[in-house]
């Protein structure tokens, strides 16, 4: 014979306790699958622009050439993005080039970059001309992934010991 709970709420506590245990188990399994999905073969963190790419970036931005009625007047790298300012017939245009991973819907996309107009109004063919120039050079560019680079360095140090 099965014992009968003396209070009706004790059965409810038993069912509720099992439900909470089941929910905790599901959360643990989900967390384990997320950790497993963080495979070392897939880079983590935001991609950064490695040092020493200034000349290539200048070429990609059209340094020293007229680009559909616009001329590059300044440019620079800010860790994860490339900032560029052009003097165009209608005024200054400021752009940002970032990794596709951080692309906005309004960005012009190339194989590796998302080009976003930050301010100003570029001439009608400017975005297309800039995207074509970036595409012509981007195969020489490689993003750096800081977390995976740190893991690689740790692995190299362990192998050297």
N, C-alpha and C. Protein backbone atom coordinates (compact mmCIF):
# COMPACT_ATOMS: atom_id res chain seq x y z
N UNK A 1 0.83 -1.16 0.00
CA UNK A 1 0.00 0.00 0.00
C UNK A 1 0.88 1.24 0.00
N UNK A 2 0.48 2.18 -0.77
CA UNK A 2 1.22 3.43 -0.92
C UNK A 2 0.85 4.42 0.17
N UNK A 3 1.88 5.13 0.73
CA UNK A 3 1.54 6.10 1.77
C UNK A 3 0.77 7.28 1.18
N UNK A 4 -0.18 7.72 1.91
CA UNK A 4 -1.01 8.85 1.49
C UNK A 4 -0.50 10.09 2.19
N UNK A 5 -0.27 11.16 1.43
CA UNK A 5 0.20 12.38 2.08
C UNK A 5 -0.83 12.87 3.09
N UNK A 6 -0.34 13.37 4.18
CA UNK A 6 -1.24 13.85 5.21
C UNK A 6 -1.81 15.21 4.87
N UNK A 7 -1.06 15.95 4.09
CA UNK A 7 -1.54 17.27 3.69
C UNK A 7 -1.63 17.31 2.18
N UNK A 8 -2.65 17.93 1.60
CA UNK A 8 -2.78 17.96 0.15
C UNK A 8 -1.66 18.74 -0.53
N UNK A 9 -1.08 19.73 0.13
CA UNK A 9 -0.02 20.51 -0.51
C UNK A 9 1.28 19.74 -0.65
N UNK A 10 1.49 18.65 0.10
CA UNK A 10 2.73 17.89 -0.01
C UNK A 10 2.84 17.21 -1.37
N UNK A 11 1.75 16.76 -1.95
CA UNK A 11 1.78 16.18 -3.29
C UNK A 11 2.14 17.25 -4.31
N UNK A 12 1.59 18.42 -4.13
CA UNK A 12 1.90 19.54 -5.04
C UNK A 12 3.38 19.89 -4.96
N UNK A 13 3.95 19.88 -3.75
CA UNK A 13 5.38 20.18 -3.59
C UNK A 13 6.24 19.14 -4.30
N UNK A 14 5.84 17.89 -4.25
CA UNK A 14 6.60 16.83 -4.89
C UNK A 14 6.59 17.02 -6.41
N UNK A 15 5.44 17.33 -6.99
CA UNK A 15 5.34 17.55 -8.42
C UNK A 15 6.13 18.79 -8.82
N UNK A 16 5.99 19.85 -8.04
CA UNK A 16 6.70 21.09 -8.33
C UNK A 16 8.21 20.88 -8.21
N UNK A 17 8.65 20.11 -7.24
CA UNK A 17 10.07 19.83 -7.07
C UNK A 17 10.64 19.06 -8.25
N UNK A 18 9.88 18.09 -8.76
CA UNK A 18 10.33 17.35 -9.94
C UNK A 18 10.40 18.26 -11.16
N UNK A 19 9.44 19.16 -11.30
CA UNK A 19 9.44 20.11 -12.43
C UNK A 19 10.65 21.03 -12.37
N UNK A 20 10.98 21.51 -11.17
CA UNK A 20 12.15 22.38 -11.01
C UNK A 20 13.43 21.62 -11.32
N UNK A 21 13.51 20.37 -10.88
CA UNK A 21 14.69 19.55 -11.18
C UNK A 21 14.84 19.30 -12.67
N UNK A 22 13.72 19.04 -13.33
CA UNK A 22 13.73 18.83 -14.77
C UNK A 22 14.17 20.11 -15.50
N UNK A 23 13.67 21.26 -15.06
CA UNK A 23 14.05 22.54 -15.67
C UNK A 23 15.55 22.79 -15.48
N UNK A 24 16.07 22.48 -14.29
CA UNK A 24 17.51 22.66 -14.03
C UNK A 24 18.34 21.76 -14.94
N UNK A 25 17.87 20.53 -15.14
CA UNK A 25 18.57 19.59 -16.03
C UNK A 25 18.58 20.13 -17.46
N UNK A 26 17.45 20.64 -17.94
CA UNK A 26 17.40 21.20 -19.29
C UNK A 26 18.34 22.40 -19.43
N UNK A 27 18.39 23.25 -18.42
CA UNK A 27 19.30 24.40 -18.47
C UNK A 27 20.76 23.95 -18.53
N UNK A 28 21.09 22.93 -17.76
CA UNK A 28 22.47 22.41 -17.78
C UNK A 28 22.82 21.84 -19.14
N UNK A 29 21.88 21.11 -19.74
CA UNK A 29 22.13 20.54 -21.07
C UNK A 29 22.28 21.64 -22.11
N UNK A 30 21.46 22.68 -22.02
CA UNK A 30 21.57 23.80 -22.95
C UNK A 30 22.91 24.50 -22.80
N UNK A 31 23.33 24.73 -21.57
CA UNK A 31 24.63 25.38 -21.34
C UNK A 31 25.76 24.52 -21.90
N UNK A 32 25.68 23.21 -21.71
CA UNK A 32 26.73 22.32 -22.23
C UNK A 32 26.78 22.36 -23.75
N UNK A 33 25.60 22.43 -24.39
CA UNK A 33 25.61 22.48 -25.85
C UNK A 33 26.17 23.80 -26.35
N UNK A 34 25.93 24.89 -25.63
CA UNK A 34 26.49 26.18 -26.04
C UNK A 34 28.01 26.19 -25.89
N UNK A 35 28.51 25.58 -24.84
CA UNK A 35 29.96 25.49 -24.66
C UNK A 35 30.56 24.64 -25.77
N UNK A 36 29.91 23.54 -26.10
CA UNK A 36 30.40 22.67 -27.17
C UNK A 36 30.34 23.39 -28.51
N UNK A 37 29.35 24.26 -28.69
CA UNK A 37 29.23 25.00 -29.95
C UNK A 37 30.34 26.03 -30.09
N UNK A 38 30.95 26.46 -28.98
CA UNK A 38 32.06 27.41 -29.04
C UNK A 38 33.32 26.69 -29.47
N UNK A 39 33.27 26.00 -30.58
CA UNK A 39 34.36 25.20 -31.12
C UNK A 39 35.58 26.08 -31.39
N UNK A 40 36.77 25.54 -31.14
CA UNK A 40 38.00 26.29 -31.36
C UNK A 40 38.22 26.60 -32.84
N UNK A 41 37.56 25.88 -33.73
CA UNK A 41 37.73 26.13 -35.16
C UNK A 41 36.97 27.37 -35.61
N UNK A 42 36.02 27.85 -34.80
CA UNK A 42 35.25 29.04 -35.16
C UNK A 42 35.73 30.19 -34.31
N UNK A 43 36.18 31.28 -34.93
CA UNK A 43 36.70 32.41 -34.16
C UNK A 43 35.62 33.04 -33.29
N UNK A 44 36.02 33.48 -32.11
CA UNK A 44 35.10 34.15 -31.21
C UNK A 44 35.54 35.59 -31.03
N UNK A 45 34.67 36.42 -30.50
CA UNK A 45 34.98 37.82 -30.31
C UNK A 45 34.82 38.59 -31.61
N UNK A 46 35.00 39.89 -31.52
CA UNK A 46 34.89 40.73 -32.70
C UNK A 46 36.19 40.71 -33.49
N UNK A 47 36.09 40.61 -34.81
CA UNK A 47 37.31 40.63 -35.62
C UNK A 47 37.93 42.02 -35.59
N UNK A 48 39.25 42.07 -35.57
CA UNK A 48 39.97 43.34 -35.52
C UNK A 48 40.85 43.49 -36.75
N UNK A 49 41.23 44.72 -36.99
CA UNK A 49 42.11 45.02 -38.12
C UNK A 49 43.54 44.94 -37.63
N UNK A 50 44.33 44.04 -38.19
CA UNK A 50 45.70 43.87 -37.70
C UNK A 50 46.59 45.05 -38.08
N UNK A 51 47.63 45.29 -37.31
CA UNK A 51 48.56 46.37 -37.66
C UNK A 51 49.32 46.04 -38.94
N UNK A 52 49.81 47.07 -39.61
CA UNK A 52 50.60 46.88 -40.82
C UNK A 52 49.77 46.84 -42.10
N UNK A 53 48.48 47.09 -42.01
CA UNK A 53 47.61 47.03 -43.18
C UNK A 53 47.30 48.42 -43.76
N UNK A 54 48.02 49.44 -43.30
CA UNK A 54 47.70 50.81 -43.68
C UNK A 54 47.77 51.05 -45.18
N UNK A 55 48.81 50.54 -45.82
CA UNK A 55 48.98 50.74 -47.26
C UNK A 55 47.84 50.09 -48.05
N UNK A 56 47.52 48.86 -47.69
CA UNK A 56 46.43 48.15 -48.35
C UNK A 56 45.09 48.86 -48.13
N UNK A 57 44.85 49.30 -46.91
CA UNK A 57 43.60 50.02 -46.61
C UNK A 57 43.53 51.31 -47.41
N UNK A 58 44.64 52.03 -47.53
CA UNK A 58 44.68 53.24 -48.34
C UNK A 58 44.32 52.96 -49.80
N UNK A 59 44.83 51.87 -50.32
CA UNK A 59 44.51 51.48 -51.70
C UNK A 59 43.03 51.13 -51.83
N UNK A 60 42.52 50.40 -50.85
CA UNK A 60 41.10 50.02 -50.87
C UNK A 60 40.19 51.24 -50.81
N UNK A 61 40.62 52.28 -50.13
CA UNK A 61 39.80 53.49 -49.99
C UNK A 61 39.97 54.47 -51.16
N UNK A 62 40.92 54.20 -52.05
CA UNK A 62 41.12 55.07 -53.21
C UNK A 62 42.07 56.22 -52.94
N UNK A 63 43.04 56.02 -52.08
CA UNK A 63 44.02 57.06 -51.76
C UNK A 63 44.76 57.50 -53.02
N UNK A 64 44.75 58.81 -53.27
CA UNK A 64 45.47 59.38 -54.41
C UNK A 64 44.72 59.31 -55.73
N UNK A 65 43.49 58.83 -55.73
CA UNK A 65 42.72 58.76 -56.98
C UNK A 65 41.35 59.39 -56.76
N UNK A 66 40.77 59.89 -57.84
CA UNK A 66 39.41 60.41 -57.78
C UNK A 66 38.45 59.23 -57.90
N UNK A 67 37.45 59.21 -57.09
CA UNK A 67 36.51 58.10 -57.05
C UNK A 67 35.09 58.65 -57.22
N UNK A 68 34.62 58.65 -58.44
CA UNK A 68 33.27 59.13 -58.77
C UNK A 68 32.98 60.49 -58.12
N UNK A 69 33.77 61.48 -58.49
CA UNK A 69 33.63 62.87 -58.03
C UNK A 69 33.92 63.06 -56.54
N UNK A 70 34.66 62.15 -55.96
CA UNK A 70 35.04 62.24 -54.55
C UNK A 70 36.53 61.94 -54.41
N UNK A 71 37.13 62.55 -53.39
CA UNK A 71 38.54 62.30 -53.10
C UNK A 71 38.69 62.02 -51.60
N UNK A 72 39.48 61.02 -51.28
CA UNK A 72 39.75 60.67 -49.89
C UNK A 72 40.55 61.79 -49.24
N UNK A 73 40.06 62.34 -48.12
CA UNK A 73 40.82 63.39 -47.44
C UNK A 73 41.37 62.91 -46.09
N UNK A 74 40.77 61.87 -45.52
CA UNK A 74 41.33 61.28 -44.30
C UNK A 74 40.79 59.87 -44.10
N UNK A 75 41.56 59.10 -43.38
CA UNK A 75 41.16 57.73 -43.09
C UNK A 75 41.96 57.21 -41.92
N UNK A 76 41.43 56.26 -41.26
CA UNK A 76 42.14 55.67 -40.13
C UNK A 76 41.48 54.39 -39.66
N UNK A 77 42.22 53.67 -38.83
CA UNK A 77 41.74 52.41 -38.28
C UNK A 77 41.44 52.62 -36.81
N UNK A 78 40.28 52.16 -36.39
CA UNK A 78 39.90 52.18 -34.99
C UNK A 78 39.58 50.77 -34.52
N UNK A 79 40.59 49.95 -34.42
CA UNK A 79 40.57 48.59 -33.90
C UNK A 79 39.69 47.64 -34.72
N UNK A 80 38.37 47.87 -34.76
CA UNK A 80 37.48 46.96 -35.48
C UNK A 80 36.88 47.58 -36.73
N UNK A 81 37.12 48.86 -36.95
CA UNK A 81 36.52 49.54 -38.09
C UNK A 81 37.55 50.43 -38.80
N UNK A 82 37.23 50.72 -40.04
CA UNK A 82 38.02 51.67 -40.83
C UNK A 82 37.13 52.88 -41.04
N UNK A 83 37.63 54.04 -40.70
CA UNK A 83 36.89 55.29 -40.88
C UNK A 83 37.51 56.04 -42.06
N UNK A 84 36.67 56.62 -42.89
CA UNK A 84 37.16 57.36 -44.05
C UNK A 84 36.28 58.58 -44.28
N UNK A 85 36.93 59.67 -44.68
CA UNK A 85 36.21 60.90 -45.02
C UNK A 85 36.60 61.29 -46.43
N UNK A 86 35.59 61.59 -47.25
CA UNK A 86 35.79 61.98 -48.64
C UNK A 86 35.24 63.38 -48.85
N UNK A 87 35.91 64.14 -49.73
CA UNK A 87 35.39 65.43 -50.18
C UNK A 87 34.73 65.17 -51.53
N UNK A 88 33.44 65.36 -51.57
CA UNK A 88 32.67 65.12 -52.79
C UNK A 88 32.08 66.44 -53.27
N UNK A 89 31.49 66.43 -54.45
CA UNK A 89 30.89 67.64 -55.01
C UNK A 89 29.81 68.21 -54.09
N UNK A 90 29.06 67.36 -53.42
CA UNK A 90 27.98 67.82 -52.55
C UNK A 90 28.42 68.09 -51.12
N UNK A 91 29.68 67.91 -50.79
CA UNK A 91 30.18 68.12 -49.43
C UNK A 91 30.92 66.89 -48.92
N UNK A 92 31.23 66.90 -47.65
CA UNK A 92 31.97 65.79 -47.05
C UNK A 92 31.06 64.59 -46.81
N UNK A 93 31.66 63.42 -47.01
CA UNK A 93 30.98 62.15 -46.76
C UNK A 93 31.87 61.33 -45.84
N UNK A 94 31.30 60.88 -44.73
CA UNK A 94 32.04 60.04 -43.78
C UNK A 94 31.50 58.62 -43.86
N UNK A 95 32.44 57.68 -43.97
CA UNK A 95 32.09 56.27 -44.11
C UNK A 95 32.75 55.44 -43.03
N UNK A 96 32.21 54.26 -42.84
CA UNK A 96 32.81 53.29 -41.93
C UNK A 96 32.79 51.93 -42.62
N UNK A 97 33.91 51.25 -42.59
CA UNK A 97 34.01 49.89 -43.11
C UNK A 97 34.21 48.98 -41.91
N UNK A 98 33.37 47.97 -41.80
CA UNK A 98 33.45 47.03 -40.69
C UNK A 98 33.32 45.62 -41.24
N UNK A 99 33.54 44.65 -40.38
CA UNK A 99 33.37 43.26 -40.76
C UNK A 99 31.90 42.98 -41.04
N UNK A 100 31.64 42.07 -41.97
CA UNK A 100 30.26 41.72 -42.32
C UNK A 100 29.46 41.25 -41.12
N UNK A 101 30.14 40.71 -40.15
CA UNK A 101 29.49 40.23 -38.93
C UNK A 101 28.73 41.35 -38.23
N UNK A 102 29.19 42.58 -38.39
CA UNK A 102 28.58 43.74 -37.74
C UNK A 102 27.81 44.61 -38.72
N UNK A 103 27.39 44.04 -39.84
CA UNK A 103 26.74 44.82 -40.90
C UNK A 103 25.33 45.26 -40.52
N UNK A 104 24.99 46.46 -40.94
CA UNK A 104 23.63 46.96 -40.82
C UNK A 104 22.91 46.67 -42.13
N UNK A 105 21.61 46.72 -42.08
CA UNK A 105 20.81 46.42 -43.28
C UNK A 105 21.09 47.42 -44.40
N UNK A 106 21.40 48.66 -44.05
CA UNK A 106 21.62 49.71 -45.05
C UNK A 106 23.03 49.70 -45.63
N UNK A 107 23.90 48.83 -45.13
CA UNK A 107 25.30 48.82 -45.56
C UNK A 107 25.45 48.19 -46.95
N UNK A 108 26.41 48.72 -47.71
CA UNK A 108 26.82 48.11 -48.96
C UNK A 108 27.83 47.03 -48.59
N UNK A 109 27.62 45.81 -49.07
CA UNK A 109 28.47 44.70 -48.65
C UNK A 109 29.39 44.23 -49.77
N UNK A 110 30.61 43.90 -49.37
CA UNK A 110 31.57 43.27 -50.26
C UNK A 110 31.81 41.87 -49.70
N UNK A 111 32.84 41.20 -50.13
CA UNK A 111 33.12 39.87 -49.61
C UNK A 111 33.48 39.84 -48.14
N UNK A 112 34.16 40.90 -47.64
CA UNK A 112 34.60 40.93 -46.25
C UNK A 112 34.13 42.15 -45.47
N UNK A 113 33.63 43.16 -46.16
CA UNK A 113 33.33 44.43 -45.50
C UNK A 113 31.89 44.87 -45.68
N UNK A 114 31.42 45.60 -44.68
CA UNK A 114 30.14 46.30 -44.76
C UNK A 114 30.48 47.79 -44.76
N UNK A 115 30.07 48.50 -45.81
CA UNK A 115 30.38 49.92 -45.96
C UNK A 115 29.12 50.70 -45.59
N UNK A 116 29.23 51.53 -44.55
CA UNK A 116 28.10 52.30 -44.05
C UNK A 116 28.40 53.79 -44.15
N UNK A 117 27.46 54.55 -44.71
CA UNK A 117 27.59 56.01 -44.74
C UNK A 117 27.18 56.53 -43.37
N UNK A 118 28.09 57.23 -42.70
CA UNK A 118 27.83 57.77 -41.37
C UNK A 118 27.28 59.19 -41.44
N UNK A 119 27.74 59.97 -42.42
CA UNK A 119 27.20 61.32 -42.60
C UNK A 119 27.48 61.79 -44.01
N UNK A 120 26.67 62.73 -44.46
CA UNK A 120 26.81 63.27 -45.80
C UNK A 120 26.00 62.47 -46.81
N UNK A 121 25.99 63.00 -48.03
CA UNK A 121 25.26 62.34 -49.13
C UNK A 121 26.21 62.11 -50.29
N UNK A 122 26.63 60.88 -50.48
CA UNK A 122 27.56 60.59 -51.58
C UNK A 122 26.85 60.70 -52.93
N UNK A 123 27.61 61.02 -53.99
CA UNK A 123 27.03 61.04 -55.34
C UNK A 123 26.46 59.66 -55.68
N UNK A 124 25.52 59.60 -56.62
CA UNK A 124 24.84 58.34 -56.93
C UNK A 124 25.74 57.13 -57.19
N UNK A 125 26.82 57.26 -57.92
CA UNK A 125 27.65 56.11 -58.25
C UNK A 125 28.79 55.85 -57.29
N UNK A 126 28.93 56.68 -56.26
CA UNK A 126 30.07 56.57 -55.36
C UNK A 126 30.12 55.25 -54.60
N UNK A 127 29.01 54.84 -54.00
CA UNK A 127 29.00 53.60 -53.23
C UNK A 127 29.40 52.40 -54.09
N UNK A 128 28.88 52.36 -55.29
CA UNK A 128 29.20 51.25 -56.21
C UNK A 128 30.69 51.27 -56.58
N UNK A 129 31.21 52.47 -56.86
CA UNK A 129 32.63 52.59 -57.23
C UNK A 129 33.54 52.20 -56.06
N UNK A 130 33.20 52.64 -54.85
CA UNK A 130 34.01 52.30 -53.68
C UNK A 130 33.94 50.80 -53.41
N UNK A 131 32.74 50.23 -53.50
CA UNK A 131 32.60 48.79 -53.26
C UNK A 131 33.43 47.99 -54.27
N UNK A 132 33.44 48.42 -55.53
CA UNK A 132 34.24 47.73 -56.55
C UNK A 132 35.73 47.83 -56.24
N UNK A 133 36.17 48.99 -55.76
CA UNK A 133 37.57 49.17 -55.40
C UNK A 133 37.94 48.29 -54.20
N UNK A 134 37.08 48.26 -53.20
CA UNK A 134 37.33 47.42 -52.02
C UNK A 134 37.38 45.95 -52.44
N UNK A 135 36.44 45.52 -53.27
CA UNK A 135 36.41 44.12 -53.73
C UNK A 135 37.69 43.74 -54.47
N UNK A 136 38.25 44.70 -55.21
CA UNK A 136 39.45 44.40 -56.00
C UNK A 136 40.68 44.16 -55.13
N UNK A 137 40.64 44.61 -53.87
CA UNK A 137 41.81 44.51 -52.99
C UNK A 137 41.59 43.62 -51.77
N UNK A 138 40.35 43.32 -51.43
CA UNK A 138 40.08 42.67 -50.15
C UNK A 138 40.60 41.24 -50.04
N UNK A 139 40.93 40.60 -51.14
CA UNK A 139 41.50 39.25 -51.05
C UNK A 139 42.88 39.27 -50.41
N UNK A 140 43.52 40.43 -50.36
CA UNK A 140 44.83 40.57 -49.71
C UNK A 140 44.71 40.88 -48.22
N UNK A 141 43.49 41.14 -47.76
CA UNK A 141 43.24 41.53 -46.38
C UNK A 141 42.75 40.32 -45.58
N UNK A 142 43.24 40.21 -44.34
CA UNK A 142 42.78 39.14 -43.46
C UNK A 142 42.50 39.70 -42.09
N UNK A 143 41.28 39.48 -41.61
CA UNK A 143 40.90 39.92 -40.27
C UNK A 143 41.67 39.15 -39.22
N UNK A 144 41.86 39.77 -38.08
CA UNK A 144 42.50 39.12 -36.96
C UNK A 144 41.43 38.83 -35.90
N UNK A 145 41.51 37.68 -35.27
CA UNK A 145 40.53 37.28 -34.25
C UNK A 145 41.28 37.19 -32.93
N UNK A 146 41.14 38.18 -32.05
CA UNK A 146 41.99 38.27 -30.86
C UNK A 146 41.89 37.08 -29.91
N UNK A 147 40.72 36.54 -29.63
CA UNK A 147 40.62 35.45 -28.67
C UNK A 147 41.25 34.18 -29.22
N UNK A 148 41.04 33.90 -30.50
CA UNK A 148 41.65 32.70 -31.07
C UNK A 148 43.16 32.86 -31.19
N UNK A 149 43.62 34.09 -31.42
CA UNK A 149 45.06 34.34 -31.48
C UNK A 149 45.70 34.09 -30.11
N UNK A 150 45.00 34.51 -29.04
CA UNK A 150 45.52 34.29 -27.70
C UNK A 150 45.56 32.79 -27.39
N UNK A 151 44.56 32.04 -27.84
CA UNK A 151 44.56 30.60 -27.62
C UNK A 151 45.71 29.94 -28.38
N UNK A 152 45.96 30.40 -29.62
CA UNK A 152 47.07 29.86 -30.42
C UNK A 152 48.41 30.11 -29.72
N UNK A 153 48.59 31.33 -29.16
CA UNK A 153 49.84 31.66 -28.48
C UNK A 153 50.02 30.76 -27.26
N UNK A 154 48.94 30.52 -26.50
CA UNK A 154 49.04 29.65 -25.33
C UNK A 154 49.39 28.22 -25.75
N UNK A 155 48.84 27.76 -26.84
CA UNK A 155 49.16 26.42 -27.32
C UNK A 155 50.61 26.33 -27.76
N UNK A 156 51.12 27.39 -28.42
CA UNK A 156 52.52 27.40 -28.84
C UNK A 156 53.45 27.40 -27.64
N UNK A 157 53.11 28.15 -26.58
CA UNK A 157 53.95 28.20 -25.39
C UNK A 157 53.99 26.83 -24.70
N UNK A 158 52.84 26.14 -24.67
CA UNK A 158 52.78 24.81 -24.07
C UNK A 158 53.60 23.81 -24.83
N UNK A 159 53.64 23.92 -26.16
CA UNK A 159 54.40 23.00 -26.99
C UNK A 159 55.90 23.24 -26.86
N UNK A 160 56.29 24.49 -26.59
CA UNK A 160 57.71 24.84 -26.50
C UNK A 160 58.34 24.36 -25.19
N UNK A 161 57.49 24.16 -24.16
CA UNK A 161 58.04 23.76 -22.85
C UNK A 161 58.48 22.34 -22.79
